[in-house]
Amino acid sequence: MPPALLSPPDTEKTPGYWNEGARRRLESALALQPAARPAKNIILFMGDGMGLPTMSAARIYKGQLAGGSGEESILAMETFPHVALAKVSGAVPGAGPAGPARNPLAPACLQTYTIDRQVPDSAGTGTAYLCGVKTNAKTLGLSGAAVYGKCRTAFGNEVDSILHRARLAGKSVGIVTTTRVQHASPGAAYAHSASRSWYADADMPKEALRDGCKDIAYQLVHNTDINVILGGGRMYMTPKRTPDPEYPEDPAQNGTRKDGLNLIAEWLSAKQGARYVWDKKGLDAVEEDSVSHLMGLFEPKDMKYELNRNTSTDPSIVEMTEKAIRILRRNPNGFFLFVEDDHVPHAGGRIDHGHHSGRAKQALMEAVMLDRAVARAGELTSPSDTLTIVTADHSHVFTFGGNTLRGTSIFGLAPKKAKDKRAYTSILYGNGPGYSIRDGGRPAASLPTAEDKDYRQQAAVPLEVETHSGEDVVVLAQGPMAHLFHGVQEQHYIAHAMAYAACLEPYAAEPGCRAARRASHGTQCSPHPLLALLALCLAAHMVGG
């Protein structure tokens, strides 16, 4: 890491430096025009647990990894021109018990906020931003009428995701995740489950099996025709005691299914041009022109942290994202891709789990890698036809401060000691496993220990696992209809804005969508500016209404 700057660069000491930078940004803002045309492709990047403090710290870390002081760095996602805040908790303003029944993404009985917790989990949030409705914690792809853990309450309360609707509309669809593909956030894209923990039938209670509910891995294969599935989760796909291809001598990594099904084999036999791989070598060997379907499961459960990853055997989120786009973009009708850095509090995990375990360096490296995937996706697609959104499902009780000097390592120490006469790191947690009392007081932080990838930053309240936080998360967007992401919105609005942008159900027949589709085909004469403005207003009204 670079040493802290004792004084800013000379260029920054002159008003002209700041004035010119502001002028350039003003010129860019004045030139910005809404792209009011349908999106052929949609890519949704989800940084699980990537709240605003995490983004800010990741920006600095990115710059310091490149040899700079860090503060002046810019994340690829931060170049997106349209920004909104999504409410992960709160009530729908102005909503009543009766809504537009014609909208299958928002059933009439769910126009009010039904999540049962002030601070959400990744299942409830996944259902919101992918399916368009708020629901109860720990349930997937179900309305708030479903009760957690009660199988029978799922029947009749299913809600479909935008991934499912994109596939029905003829688009190719894909999932990329750094955790098990059956986990909460990716699971909301295809599953309807009264419990986010029902990964395989072995994880389900006998009552749920008797009542006819299916585990999430089974639904992955049978619910939606997904073209690309990349992540972890091999053990949930094969029969009990099936040796893992990577860890054949470790029985703890064996398959877990009690029903004897080999879901990987079922998936392969049901698809034309399908391919299955389980390591980086296999993924690299896949020629995108030769497959229509690709499943890559690279760990028995969750994939490893980037800082722990074996780069010769395990693909990165950047490599998985690139392979997915190269396969999906062959469809002339376009594609929908969900890319996510997800978590499991006790096993594996990425941004979110790095925070849950109080290991900030692991979490921030995952955020940097997600940003690199965003940048690579931008190189492989065009903002003229691809709507790209980057957001988070929730934040964490993570913060950094302490009056550190410019250029100080983001993992370094505050320049002055605390009131207890002991050093502390800039990064701290409100709660979690980093809490520690020794000899009647807080242990002093020190270097180079605090720079270690597995160092646990100190926490104010002792908990086995650090918790989520409830503040709003940012939504960044570029491409067609990106201007729909503005202001402060309920989280479930994200699914609706994406559906409208791509002319998917329930917005395929909306007047504004039809007008935008006609405009995208071009006309001999340019429309009158006032008519164009009216179309934009109509589009915004239809989505907001």
Protein backbone atom coordinates (compact mmCIF):
# COMPACT_ATOMS: atom_id res chain seq x y z
CA MET A 1 0.00 0.00 0.00
CA PRO A 2 1.24 3.56 -0.69
CA PRO A 3 2.29 5.64 2.31
CA ALA A 4 -0.17 8.29 3.48
CA LEU A 5 0.22 11.59 1.68
CA LEU A 6 1.53 14.27 4.00
CA SER A 7 0.31 16.93 1.57
CA PRO A 8 -1.94 16.82 -1.49
CA PRO A 9 -0.43 16.95 -5.00
CA ASP A 10 0.45 20.47 -6.15
CA THR A 11 -2.19 20.37 -8.89
CA GLU A 12 -4.90 19.92 -6.28
CA LYS A 13 -3.81 23.08 -4.45
CA THR A 14 -5.04 25.36 -7.23
CA PRO A 15 -8.72 26.35 -7.69
CA GLY A 16 -8.34 25.75 -11.42
CA TYR A 17 -7.92 22.01 -10.93
CA TRP A 18 -11.26 21.70 -9.17
CA ASN A 19 -13.04 24.24 -11.34
CA GLU A 20 -12.03 22.50 -14.55
CA GLY A 21 -13.05 19.10 -13.24
CA ALA A 22 -16.45 20.45 -12.24
CA ARG A 23 -16.87 22.10 -15.64
CA ARG A 24 -16.24 18.80 -17.43
CA ARG A 25 -18.84 17.10 -15.28
CA LEU A 26 -21.33 19.88 -15.97
CA GLU A 27 -20.79 19.52 -19.71
CA SER A 28 -21.38 15.79 -19.45
CA ALA A 29 -24.55 16.36 -17.44
CA LEU A 30 -25.87 18.92 -19.92
CA ALA A 31 -25.26 16.55 -22.81
CA LEU A 32 -27.06 13.67 -21.13
CA GLN A 33 -30.27 12.63 -22.88
CA PRO A 34 -32.68 9.86 -21.82
CA ALA A 35 -32.44 6.80 -24.07
CA ALA A 36 -36.19 6.21 -24.45
CA ARG A 37 -36.07 3.01 -26.45
CA PRO A 38 -36.49 -0.66 -25.57
CA ALA A 39 -33.57 -2.56 -24.12
CA LYS A 40 -32.64 -5.64 -26.11
CA ASN A 41 -30.47 -6.94 -23.27
CA ILE A 42 -30.52 -6.47 -19.50
CA ILE A 43 -27.67 -7.21 -17.10
CA LEU A 44 -28.39 -6.89 -13.40
CA PHE A 45 -25.32 -6.85 -11.16
CA MET A 46 -26.12 -7.48 -7.52
CA GLY A 47 -23.48 -6.92 -4.87
CA ASP A 48 -24.91 -8.80 -1.91
CA GLY A 49 -24.36 -6.57 1.10
CA MET A 50 -22.68 -3.86 -1.00
CA GLY A 51 -23.96 -0.77 0.79
CA LEU A 52 -22.69 2.74 0.18
CA PRO A 53 -19.89 2.53 2.78
CA THR A 54 -18.68 -0.69 1.11
CA MET A 55 -18.71 0.97 -2.32
CA SER A 56 -16.77 3.97 -1.02
CA ALA A 57 -14.16 1.80 0.69
CA ALA A 58 -13.91 -0.45 -2.38
CA ARG A 59 -13.25 2.60 -4.54
CA ILE A 60 -10.31 3.54 -2.34
CA TYR A 61 -9.05 -0.04 -2.24
CA LYS A 62 -9.24 -0.27 -6.04
CA GLY A 63 -7.12 2.85 -6.38
CA GLN A 64 -4.60 1.63 -3.84
CA LEU A 65 -4.31 -1.73 -5.57
CA ALA A 66 -3.34 0.26 -8.67
CA GLY A 67 -0.65 2.15 -6.75
CA GLY A 68 -2.51 5.41 -6.16
CA SER A 69 -3.61 7.11 -2.98
CA GLY A 70 -7.08 5.66 -3.64
CA GLU A 71 -9.48 8.49 -2.90
CA GLU A 72 -9.44 9.80 -6.45
CA SER A 73 -10.22 6.37 -7.93
CA ILE A 74 -13.47 5.71 -9.80
CA LEU A 75 -15.32 2.41 -9.93
CA ALA A 76 -16.60 1.34 -13.33
CA MET A 77 -20.12 1.26 -11.93
CA GLU A 78 -19.76 4.87 -10.79
CA THR A 79 -19.50 6.04 -14.40
CA PHE A 80 -23.14 5.10 -14.98
CA PRO A 81 -25.14 8.30 -15.55
CA HIS A 82 -28.39 7.44 -13.74
CA VAL A 83 -28.63 6.90 -10.00
CA ALA A 84 -31.41 6.04 -7.57
CA LEU A 85 -31.73 4.87 -4.01
CA ALA A 86 -33.69 1.72 -3.23
CA LYS A 87 -35.51 1.31 0.08
CA VAL A 88 -34.84 -2.10 1.55
CA SER A 89 -37.27 -1.33 4.37
CA GLY A 90 -40.31 0.90 4.68
CA ALA A 91 -43.83 1.19 3.29
CA VAL A 92 -45.08 1.74 -0.22
CA PRO A 93 -46.18 5.39 -0.33
CA GLY A 94 -49.77 5.95 -1.31
CA ALA A 95 -50.50 2.26 -1.82
CA GLY A 96 -53.74 0.66 -0.76
CA PRO A 97 -54.93 -2.89 -0.34
CA ALA A 98 -56.37 -2.99 -3.84
CA GLY A 99 -54.11 -2.55 -6.86
CA PRO A 100 -54.16 -3.19 -10.60
CA ALA A 101 -55.09 -6.86 -10.85
CA ARG A 102 -53.83 -6.93 -14.43
CA ASN A 103 -50.25 -6.74 -13.11
CA PRO A 104 -49.01 -10.29 -12.36
CA LEU A 105 -45.78 -8.95 -10.90
CA ALA A 106 -47.74 -7.07 -8.24
CA PRO A 107 -50.88 -8.93 -7.16
CA ALA A 108 -53.76 -6.80 -5.92
CA CYS A 109 -53.40 -8.06 -2.35
CA LEU A 110 -49.77 -6.95 -2.17
CA GLN A 111 -49.82 -3.24 -2.83
CA THR A 112 -48.69 -2.62 0.74
CA TYR A 113 -45.34 -3.58 2.24
CA THR A 114 -45.55 -7.09 3.71
CA ILE A 115 -41.99 -7.92 4.73
CA ASP A 116 -42.00 -8.85 8.40
CA ARG A 117 -38.64 -7.38 9.32
CA GLN A 118 -37.28 -3.87 9.46
CA VAL A 119 -33.90 -5.09 8.17
CA PRO A 120 -34.17 -7.65 5.35
CA ASP A 121 -32.48 -10.88 4.33
CA SER A 122 -31.36 -11.87 0.83
CA ALA A 123 -34.41 -14.04 0.11
CA GLY A 124 -36.95 -11.30 0.72
CA THR A 125 -34.88 -8.74 -1.15
CA GLY A 126 -34.23 -11.14 -4.05
CA THR A 127 -37.95 -11.67 -4.43
CA ALA A 128 -38.42 -7.89 -4.44
CA TYR A 129 -35.88 -6.86 -7.07
CA LEU A 130 -36.37 -9.94 -9.29
CA CYS A 131 -40.09 -10.69 -8.91
CA GLY A 132 -41.43 -7.20 -8.26
CA VAL A 133 -43.14 -7.77 -4.90
CA LYS A 134 -42.07 -7.39 -1.30
CA THR A 135 -42.53 -10.50 0.79
CA ASN A 136 -41.63 -12.18 4.06
CA ALA A 137 -38.07 -12.87 5.13
CA LYS A 138 -36.51 -16.23 4.20
CA THR A 139 -39.07 -17.03 1.47
CA LEU A 140 -38.29 -17.16 -2.25
CA GLY A 141 -40.48 -16.28 -5.23
CA LEU A 142 -43.62 -16.13 -3.11
CA SER A 143 -45.99 -13.37 -2.11
CA GLY A 144 -46.39 -12.23 1.47
CA ALA A 145 -49.31 -14.62 1.85
CA ALA A 146 -46.82 -17.47 2.15
CA VAL A 147 -45.50 -18.34 5.60
CA TYR A 148 -41.85 -19.17 6.18
CA GLY A 149 -41.29 -22.90 6.56
CA LYS A 150 -44.90 -23.83 5.77
CA CYS A 151 -44.92 -25.74 2.49
CA ARG A 152 -48.66 -25.62 1.86
CA THR A 153 -48.75 -21.82 2.00
CA ALA A 154 -46.57 -21.66 -1.12
CA PHE A 155 -49.20 -23.12 -3.43
CA GLY A 156 -51.11 -20.41 -5.26
CA ASN A 157 -48.83 -17.65 -3.96
CA GLU A 158 -46.01 -17.99 -6.51
CA VAL A 159 -44.69 -14.87 -8.24
CA ASP A 160 -42.58 -15.04 -11.41
CA SER A 161 -39.21 -13.35 -11.80
CA ILE A 162 -38.09 -11.10 -14.61
CA LEU A 163 -35.63 -13.84 -15.64
CA HIS A 164 -38.56 -16.22 -16.13
CA ARG A 165 -40.53 -13.62 -18.09
CA ALA A 166 -37.54 -12.79 -20.27
CA ARG A 167 -37.20 -16.48 -21.19
CA LEU A 168 -40.90 -16.70 -22.05
CA ALA A 169 -40.41 -13.69 -24.32
CA GLY A 170 -37.75 -15.55 -26.29
CA LYS A 171 -34.63 -14.08 -24.71
CA SER A 172 -31.72 -16.15 -23.48
CA VAL A 173 -31.22 -15.96 -19.72
CA GLY A 174 -28.37 -16.65 -17.33
CA ILE A 175 -27.24 -16.67 -13.72
CA VAL A 176 -23.69 -16.03 -12.51
CA THR A 177 -22.97 -16.15 -8.79
CA THR A 178 -19.98 -16.65 -6.51
CA THR A 179 -22.03 -18.72 -4.10
CA ARG A 180 -24.15 -21.86 -4.56
CA VAL A 181 -26.57 -21.35 -7.44
CA GLN A 182 -29.36 -22.58 -5.16
CA HIS A 183 -28.82 -19.78 -2.67
CA ALA A 184 -31.23 -16.98 -1.78
CA SER A 185 -30.47 -14.29 -4.36
CA PRO A 186 -30.07 -16.50 -7.45
CA GLY A 187 -32.83 -18.76 -6.13
CA ALA A 188 -35.34 -15.92 -6.34
CA ALA A 189 -34.80 -15.89 -10.11
CA TYR A 190 -36.36 -19.31 -10.62
CA ALA A 191 -37.63 -20.91 -7.39
CA HIS A 192 -40.79 -20.72 -5.29
CA SER A 193 -39.89 -21.92 -1.83
CA ALA A 194 -41.28 -21.37 1.66
CA SER A 195 -37.71 -21.64 2.94
CA ARG A 196 -34.49 -20.30 1.45
CA SER A 197 -32.66 -23.19 3.19
CA TRP A 198 -34.32 -26.02 1.23
CA TYR A 199 -31.31 -26.42 -1.07
CA ALA A 200 -31.86 -30.17 -1.65
CA ASP A 201 -34.50 -32.62 -0.51
CA ALA A 202 -32.17 -33.66 2.32
CA ASP A 203 -32.55 -30.13 3.75
CA MET A 204 -36.35 -30.27 3.83
CA PRO A 205 -38.60 -31.43 6.68
CA LYS A 206 -40.63 -34.59 6.09
CA GLU A 207 -43.86 -32.58 6.25
CA ALA A 208 -42.79 -30.35 3.35
CA LEU A 209 -41.83 -33.36 1.24
CA ARG A 210 -45.09 -35.09 2.07
CA ASP A 211 -47.07 -31.98 1.10
CA GLY A 212 -45.44 -31.90 -2.33
CA CYS A 213 -42.93 -29.07 -2.12
CA LYS A 214 -39.76 -29.34 -4.21
CA ASP A 215 -36.27 -28.34 -3.15
CA ILE A 216 -34.51 -25.39 -4.77
CA ALA A 217 -31.99 -27.49 -6.73
CA TYR A 218 -34.85 -29.49 -8.27
CA GLN A 219 -36.59 -26.24 -9.24
CA LEU A 220 -33.38 -24.93 -10.79
CA VAL A 221 -33.54 -27.73 -13.33
CA HIS A 222 -37.30 -27.96 -13.83
CA ASN A 223 -38.89 -24.51 -13.40
CA THR A 224 -37.29 -22.24 -16.01
CA ASP A 225 -35.20 -23.02 -19.08
CA ILE A 226 -32.03 -21.20 -18.00
CA ASN A 227 -29.34 -21.06 -20.68
CA VAL A 228 -26.31 -20.32 -18.48
CA ILE A 229 -25.89 -21.36 -14.83
CA LEU A 230 -22.48 -20.61 -13.27
CA GLY A 231 -21.55 -20.77 -9.59
CA GLY A 232 -21.22 -23.33 -6.82
CA GLY A 233 -23.58 -25.94 -5.41
CA ARG A 234 -22.59 -29.34 -6.83
CA MET A 235 -23.53 -31.38 -3.74
CA TYR A 236 -27.23 -30.52 -3.97
CA MET A 237 -27.46 -31.89 -7.51
CA THR A 238 -26.35 -35.50 -7.04
CA PRO A 239 -27.42 -38.53 -4.97
CA LYS A 240 -26.21 -39.09 -1.44
CA ARG A 241 -22.66 -40.44 -1.22
CA THR A 242 -21.83 -39.46 -4.82
CA PRO A 243 -18.11 -38.49 -4.72
CA ASP A 244 -17.33 -34.92 -5.66
CA PRO A 245 -15.16 -34.69 -8.81
CA GLU A 246 -12.77 -32.22 -7.18
CA TYR A 247 -12.66 -33.68 -3.67
CA PRO A 248 -13.37 -37.41 -4.19
CA GLU A 249 -11.61 -38.42 -0.96
CA ASP A 250 -13.62 -36.05 1.26
CA PRO A 251 -17.02 -37.54 2.17
CA ALA A 252 -18.16 -34.16 3.51
CA GLN A 253 -18.25 -32.91 -0.10
CA ASN A 254 -20.34 -35.81 -1.44
CA GLY A 255 -23.76 -35.43 -2.99
CA THR A 256 -26.62 -35.01 -0.53
CA ARG A 257 -29.83 -35.94 -2.39
CA LYS A 258 -32.00 -38.59 -0.76
CA ASP A 259 -34.31 -39.05 -3.77
CA GLY A 260 -31.51 -40.59 -5.86
CA LEU A 261 -31.84 -38.00 -8.61
CA ASN A 262 -28.82 -36.76 -10.56
CA LEU A 263 -30.09 -33.34 -11.51
CA ILE A 264 -27.02 -32.54 -13.60
CA ALA A 265 -27.68 -35.61 -15.77
CA GLU A 266 -31.37 -34.73 -16.00
CA TRP A 267 -30.54 -31.20 -17.10
CA LEU A 268 -28.07 -32.38 -19.73
CA SER A 269 -30.48 -34.94 -21.21
CA ALA A 270 -33.30 -32.41 -21.44
CA LYS A 271 -31.32 -29.78 -23.39
CA GLN A 272 -30.02 -29.75 -26.92
CA GLY A 273 -26.45 -28.44 -27.12
CA ALA A 274 -25.96 -28.51 -23.35
CA ARG A 275 -22.60 -28.69 -21.58
CA TYR A 276 -21.62 -29.23 -17.94
CA VAL A 277 -18.24 -28.23 -16.44
CA TRP A 278 -16.88 -28.20 -12.91
CA ASP A 279 -13.54 -26.37 -13.10
CA LYS A 280 -11.85 -23.46 -14.84
CA LYS A 281 -10.19 -25.72 -17.39
CA GLY A 282 -13.59 -27.03 -18.46
CA LEU A 283 -15.07 -23.53 -18.60
CA ASP A 284 -12.20 -22.20 -20.70
CA ALA A 285 -12.62 -25.10 -23.14
CA VAL A 286 -16.26 -24.25 -23.84
CA GLU A 287 -16.65 -22.63 -27.25
CA GLU A 288 -19.57 -20.27 -26.95
CA ASP A 289 -20.67 -20.90 -30.54
CA SER A 290 -21.06 -24.62 -29.84
CA VAL A 291 -23.44 -24.55 -26.87
CA SER A 292 -26.93 -23.21 -26.22
CA HIS A 293 -26.89 -24.21 -22.54
CA LEU A 294 -24.01 -24.23 -20.07
CA MET A 295 -23.97 -25.29 -16.44
CA GLY A 296 -20.77 -24.76 -14.48
CA LEU A 297 -20.70 -25.74 -10.81
CA PHE A 298 -17.25 -25.07 -9.43
CA GLU A 299 -17.54 -26.02 -5.75
CA PRO A 300 -19.66 -28.43 -3.67
CA LYS A 301 -21.17 -25.42 -1.85
CA ASP A 302 -19.94 -21.86 -2.30
CA MET A 303 -17.05 -20.63 -4.36
CA LYS A 304 -13.95 -19.38 -2.58
CA TYR A 305 -13.11 -15.79 -1.73
CA GLU A 306 -11.17 -14.05 -4.49
CA LEU A 307 -8.21 -13.65 -2.12
CA ASN A 308 -8.29 -17.43 -1.49
CA ARG A 309 -9.13 -18.54 -5.03
CA ASN A 310 -6.91 -20.98 -6.90
CA THR A 311 -6.62 -19.08 -10.17
CA SER A 312 -5.67 -22.19 -12.13
CA THR A 313 -8.66 -24.30 -11.07
CA ASP A 314 -11.43 -21.86 -10.14
CA PRO A 315 -12.83 -19.16 -12.46
CA SER A 316 -13.31 -15.60 -11.23
CA ILE A 317 -16.59 -13.71 -11.37
CA VAL A 318 -15.10 -11.72 -14.26
CA GLU A 319 -14.36 -14.88 -16.26
CA MET A 320 -17.78 -16.36 -15.55
CA THR A 321 -19.51 -13.12 -16.56
CA GLU A 322 -17.60 -12.96 -19.83
CA LYS A 323 -18.39 -16.57 -20.75
CA ALA A 324 -22.07 -16.02 -19.95
CA ILE A 325 -22.35 -12.89 -22.10
CA ARG A 326 -20.56 -14.49 -25.04
CA ILE A 327 -23.08 -17.35 -25.03
CA LEU A 328 -26.21 -15.32 -24.30
CA ARG A 329 -25.59 -12.53 -26.80
CA ARG A 330 -25.90 -14.96 -29.72
CA ASN A 331 -29.69 -14.82 -29.32
CA PRO A 332 -31.06 -12.22 -31.79
CA ASN A 333 -33.91 -11.53 -29.35
CA GLY A 334 -31.47 -10.47 -26.64
CA PHE A 335 -30.80 -11.74 -23.14
CA PHE A 336 -31.23 -11.22 -19.41
CA LEU A 337 -28.25 -11.92 -17.15
CA PHE A 338 -28.15 -11.84 -13.36
CA VAL A 339 -24.63 -11.50 -11.92
CA GLU A 340 -24.22 -11.60 -8.19
CA ASP A 341 -21.67 -11.69 -5.43
CA ASP A 342 -23.64 -13.52 -2.75
CA HIS A 343 -23.24 -14.97 0.72
CA VAL A 344 -23.72 -17.71 3.22
CA PRO A 345 -23.12 -16.64 6.84
CA HIS A 346 -21.31 -19.84 7.87
CA ALA A 347 -20.02 -21.43 4.69
CA GLY A 348 -18.16 -19.66 1.93
CA GLY A 349 -19.58 -16.33 0.93
CA ARG A 350 -18.47 -13.21 -0.85
CA ILE A 351 -19.06 -9.48 -0.15
CA ASP A 352 -21.84 -10.26 2.30
CA HIS A 353 -20.06 -13.08 4.07
CA GLY A 354 -16.85 -11.10 4.30
CA HIS A 355 -18.84 -8.57 6.31
CA HIS A 356 -20.75 -11.22 8.29
CA SER A 357 -17.43 -12.65 9.46
CA GLY A 358 -16.01 -9.19 10.16
CA ARG A 359 -13.27 -9.59 7.53
CA ALA A 360 -13.34 -6.32 5.63
CA LYS A 361 -10.46 -7.08 3.26
CA GLN A 362 -12.22 -10.18 1.93
CA ALA A 363 -15.46 -8.21 1.46
CA LEU A 364 -13.84 -5.26 -0.29
CA MET A 365 -11.85 -7.48 -2.66
CA GLU A 366 -15.11 -9.11 -3.71
CA ALA A 367 -16.60 -5.68 -4.36
CA VAL A 368 -13.60 -4.75 -6.49
CA MET A 369 -14.00 -7.98 -8.46
CA LEU A 370 -17.69 -7.31 -9.04
CA ASP A 371 -16.70 -3.92 -10.40
CA ARG A 372 -14.19 -5.56 -12.73
CA ALA A 373 -17.03 -7.78 -13.98
CA VAL A 374 -19.10 -4.65 -14.59
CA ALA A 375 -16.25 -3.16 -16.60
CA ARG A 376 -15.79 -6.34 -18.65
CA ALA A 377 -19.50 -6.54 -19.38
CA GLY A 378 -19.33 -2.98 -20.66
CA GLU A 379 -16.59 -4.00 -23.10
CA LEU A 380 -18.65 -6.92 -24.40
CA THR A 381 -21.94 -5.05 -24.83
CA SER A 382 -23.16 -1.66 -26.00
CA PRO A 383 -25.15 0.90 -23.99
CA SER A 384 -27.18 1.50 -27.14
CA ASP A 385 -29.06 -1.79 -26.67
CA THR A 386 -28.06 -3.08 -23.22
CA LEU A 387 -29.52 -1.79 -19.98
CA THR A 388 -27.02 -2.45 -17.18
CA ILE A 389 -27.97 -2.00 -13.55
CA VAL A 390 -25.73 -2.30 -10.49
CA THR A 391 -27.23 -2.38 -7.03
CA ALA A 392 -27.22 -4.21 -3.69
CA ASP A 393 -29.85 -6.14 -1.81
CA HIS A 394 -28.92 -4.59 1.55
CA SER A 395 -26.07 -2.98 3.43
CA HIS A 396 -24.09 -3.86 6.58
CA VAL A 397 -23.16 -2.23 9.88
CA PHE A 398 -19.79 -1.41 8.30
CA THR A 399 -18.15 2.00 8.44
CA PHE A 400 -14.79 3.69 8.08
CA GLY A 401 -13.48 6.99 9.43
CA GLY A 402 -11.11 8.16 12.16
CA ASN A 403 -9.71 11.28 10.43
CA THR A 404 -7.19 9.21 8.46
CA LEU A 405 -4.73 11.06 6.25
CA ARG A 406 -5.01 11.15 2.48
CA GLY A 407 -3.57 7.98 0.98
CA THR A 408 -3.72 5.96 4.19
CA SER A 409 -4.35 2.28 3.53
CA ILE A 410 -8.07 1.64 3.74
CA PHE A 411 -7.19 -1.15 6.18
CA GLY A 412 -4.80 1.03 8.18
CA LEU A 413 -4.92 2.77 11.55
CA ALA A 414 -6.44 6.08 12.51
CA PRO A 415 -3.69 8.68 13.10
CA LYS A 416 -4.62 9.26 16.75
CA LYS A 417 -5.34 6.75 19.47
CA ALA A 418 -8.77 6.38 21.02
CA LYS A 419 -9.80 7.59 24.48
CA ASP A 420 -8.55 4.32 25.93
CA LYS A 421 -5.05 5.19 24.64
CA ARG A 422 -5.10 2.32 22.15
CA ALA A 423 -4.86 2.35 18.36
CA TYR A 424 -7.86 1.45 16.20
CA THR A 425 -8.42 0.77 12.52
CA SER A 426 -10.26 3.13 10.21
CA ILE A 427 -12.72 0.34 9.37
CA LEU A 428 -15.04 -0.74 12.17
CA TYR A 429 -18.25 -2.77 12.55
CA GLY A 430 -21.29 -1.94 14.65
CA ASN A 431 -21.56 -5.58 15.74
CA GLY A 432 -20.10 -8.99 14.97
CA PRO A 433 -17.33 -11.45 15.83
CA GLY A 434 -14.69 -8.71 15.93
CA TYR A 435 -15.76 -7.69 19.44
CA SER A 436 -13.03 -8.49 21.93
CA ILE A 437 -12.15 -7.63 25.52
CA ARG A 438 -8.73 -8.59 26.90
CA ASP A 439 -7.31 -7.69 30.28
CA GLY A 440 -10.36 -5.59 30.98
CA GLY A 441 -10.19 -3.52 27.83
CA ARG A 442 -10.19 -3.38 24.05
CA PRO A 443 -7.04 -4.79 22.43
CA ALA A 444 -5.02 -2.28 20.45
CA ALA A 445 -5.01 -2.67 16.67
CA SER A 446 -1.59 -2.94 15.06
CA LEU A 447 0.17 -3.19 11.73
CA PRO A 448 0.88 -5.29 9.78
CA THR A 449 -1.72 -7.55 11.44
CA ALA A 450 -4.60 -5.28 10.41
CA GLU A 451 -3.59 -5.63 6.76
CA ASP A 452 -4.00 -9.42 6.72
CA LYS A 453 -6.73 -10.74 4.44
CA ASP A 454 -8.42 -12.57 7.33
CA TYR A 455 -8.08 -9.83 9.93
CA ARG A 456 -11.32 -9.18 11.80
CA GLN A 457 -11.96 -5.49 12.36
CA GLN A 458 -13.21 -4.58 15.80
CA ALA A 459 -16.96 -4.50 16.51
CA ALA A 460 -18.91 -2.61 19.17
CA VAL A 461 -21.36 -5.39 20.07
CA PRO A 462 -20.44 -9.10 20.38
CA LEU A 463 -22.30 -11.32 17.90
CA GLU A 464 -21.35 -14.62 16.31
CA VAL A 465 -22.23 -13.16 12.91
CA GLU A 466 -22.31 -9.47 11.93
CA THR A 467 -25.74 -8.28 10.81
CA HIS A 468 -27.25 -6.55 7.82
CA SER A 469 -28.24 -2.91 8.12
CA GLY A 470 -31.42 -1.25 6.95
CA GLU A 471 -30.32 1.90 5.13
CA ASP A 472 -31.12 2.51 1.47
CA VAL A 473 -28.85 1.07 -1.21
CA VAL A 474 -27.74 2.72 -4.42
CA VAL A 475 -28.96 1.75 -7.89
CA LEU A 476 -26.74 2.74 -10.83
CA ALA A 477 -27.90 2.36 -14.43
CA GLN A 478 -26.85 2.99 -18.02
CA GLY A 479 -28.39 2.16 -21.37
CA PRO A 480 -31.95 2.17 -22.74
CA MET A 481 -34.53 3.41 -20.20
CA ALA A 482 -31.84 3.88 -17.57
CA HIS A 483 -33.49 7.20 -16.68
CA LEU A 484 -36.31 5.20 -15.05
CA PHE A 485 -33.88 4.63 -12.18
CA HIS A 486 -34.17 7.92 -10.33
CA GLY A 487 -35.08 9.32 -6.94
CA VAL A 488 -35.82 7.13 -3.94
CA GLN A 489 -37.74 3.99 -4.87
CA GLU A 490 -39.06 0.88 -3.20
CA GLN A 491 -36.78 -2.05 -3.96
CA HIS A 492 -39.43 -4.00 -5.87
CA TYR A 493 -39.59 -1.10 -8.37
CA ILE A 494 -36.33 -2.39 -9.87
CA ALA A 495 -38.05 -5.44 -11.36
CA HIS A 496 -40.83 -3.31 -12.83
CA ALA A 497 -38.44 -0.79 -14.39
CA MET A 498 -36.42 -3.60 -15.97
CA ALA A 499 -39.56 -5.28 -17.30
CA TYR A 500 -40.80 -2.03 -18.79
CA ALA A 501 -37.42 -1.24 -20.32
CA ALA A 502 -37.31 -4.59 -22.14
CA CYS A 503 -41.04 -4.66 -23.00
CA LEU A 504 -41.59 -7.76 -20.89
CA GLU A 505 -44.77 -8.78 -19.10
CA PRO A 506 -46.66 -7.13 -17.58
CA TYR A 507 -45.63 -4.09 -19.64
CA ALA A 508 -45.32 -5.59 -23.13
CA ALA A 509 -48.66 -4.11 -24.26
CA GLU A 510 -48.37 -0.73 -22.54
CA PRO A 511 -48.82 2.27 -24.91
CA GLY A 512 -45.55 3.80 -23.84
CA CYS A 513 -43.71 0.55 -24.46
CA ARG A 514 -45.29 0.09 -27.88
CA ALA A 515 -44.38 3.67 -28.80
CA ALA A 516 -40.81 3.15 -27.70
CA ARG A 517 -40.60 -0.07 -29.68
CA ARG A 518 -41.84 1.67 -32.84
CA ALA A 519 -39.36 4.48 -32.31
CA SER A 520 -36.52 1.97 -32.00
CA HIS A 521 -37.31 0.70 -35.50
CA GLY A 522 -36.79 4.17 -36.90
CA THR A 523 -38.98 6.46 -38.99
CA GLN A 524 -38.45 8.47 -42.14
CA CYS A 525 -39.07 11.72 -40.30
CA SER A 526 -37.95 12.73 -36.84
CA PRO A 527 -40.83 13.14 -34.39
CA HIS A 528 -41.76 16.57 -33.13
CA PRO A 529 -39.77 17.35 -29.95
CA LEU A 530 -42.96 17.91 -27.96
CA LEU A 531 -44.29 14.52 -29.03
CA ALA A 532 -41.02 12.90 -28.02
CA LEU A 533 -41.25 14.60 -24.62
CA LEU A 534 -44.84 13.40 -24.25
CA ALA A 535 -43.76 9.83 -24.99
CA LEU A 536 -41.07 10.06 -22.31
CA CYS A 537 -43.56 11.36 -19.76
CA LEU A 538 -46.02 8.62 -20.69
CA ALA A 539 -43.34 5.99 -20.27
CA ALA A 540 -42.40 7.29 -16.84
CA HIS A 541 -46.08 7.50 -15.84
CA MET A 542 -46.87 3.94 -16.90
CA VAL A 543 -43.95 2.51 -14.94
CA GLY A 544 -44.63 4.60 -11.87
CA GLY A 545 -48.35 3.84 -11.96
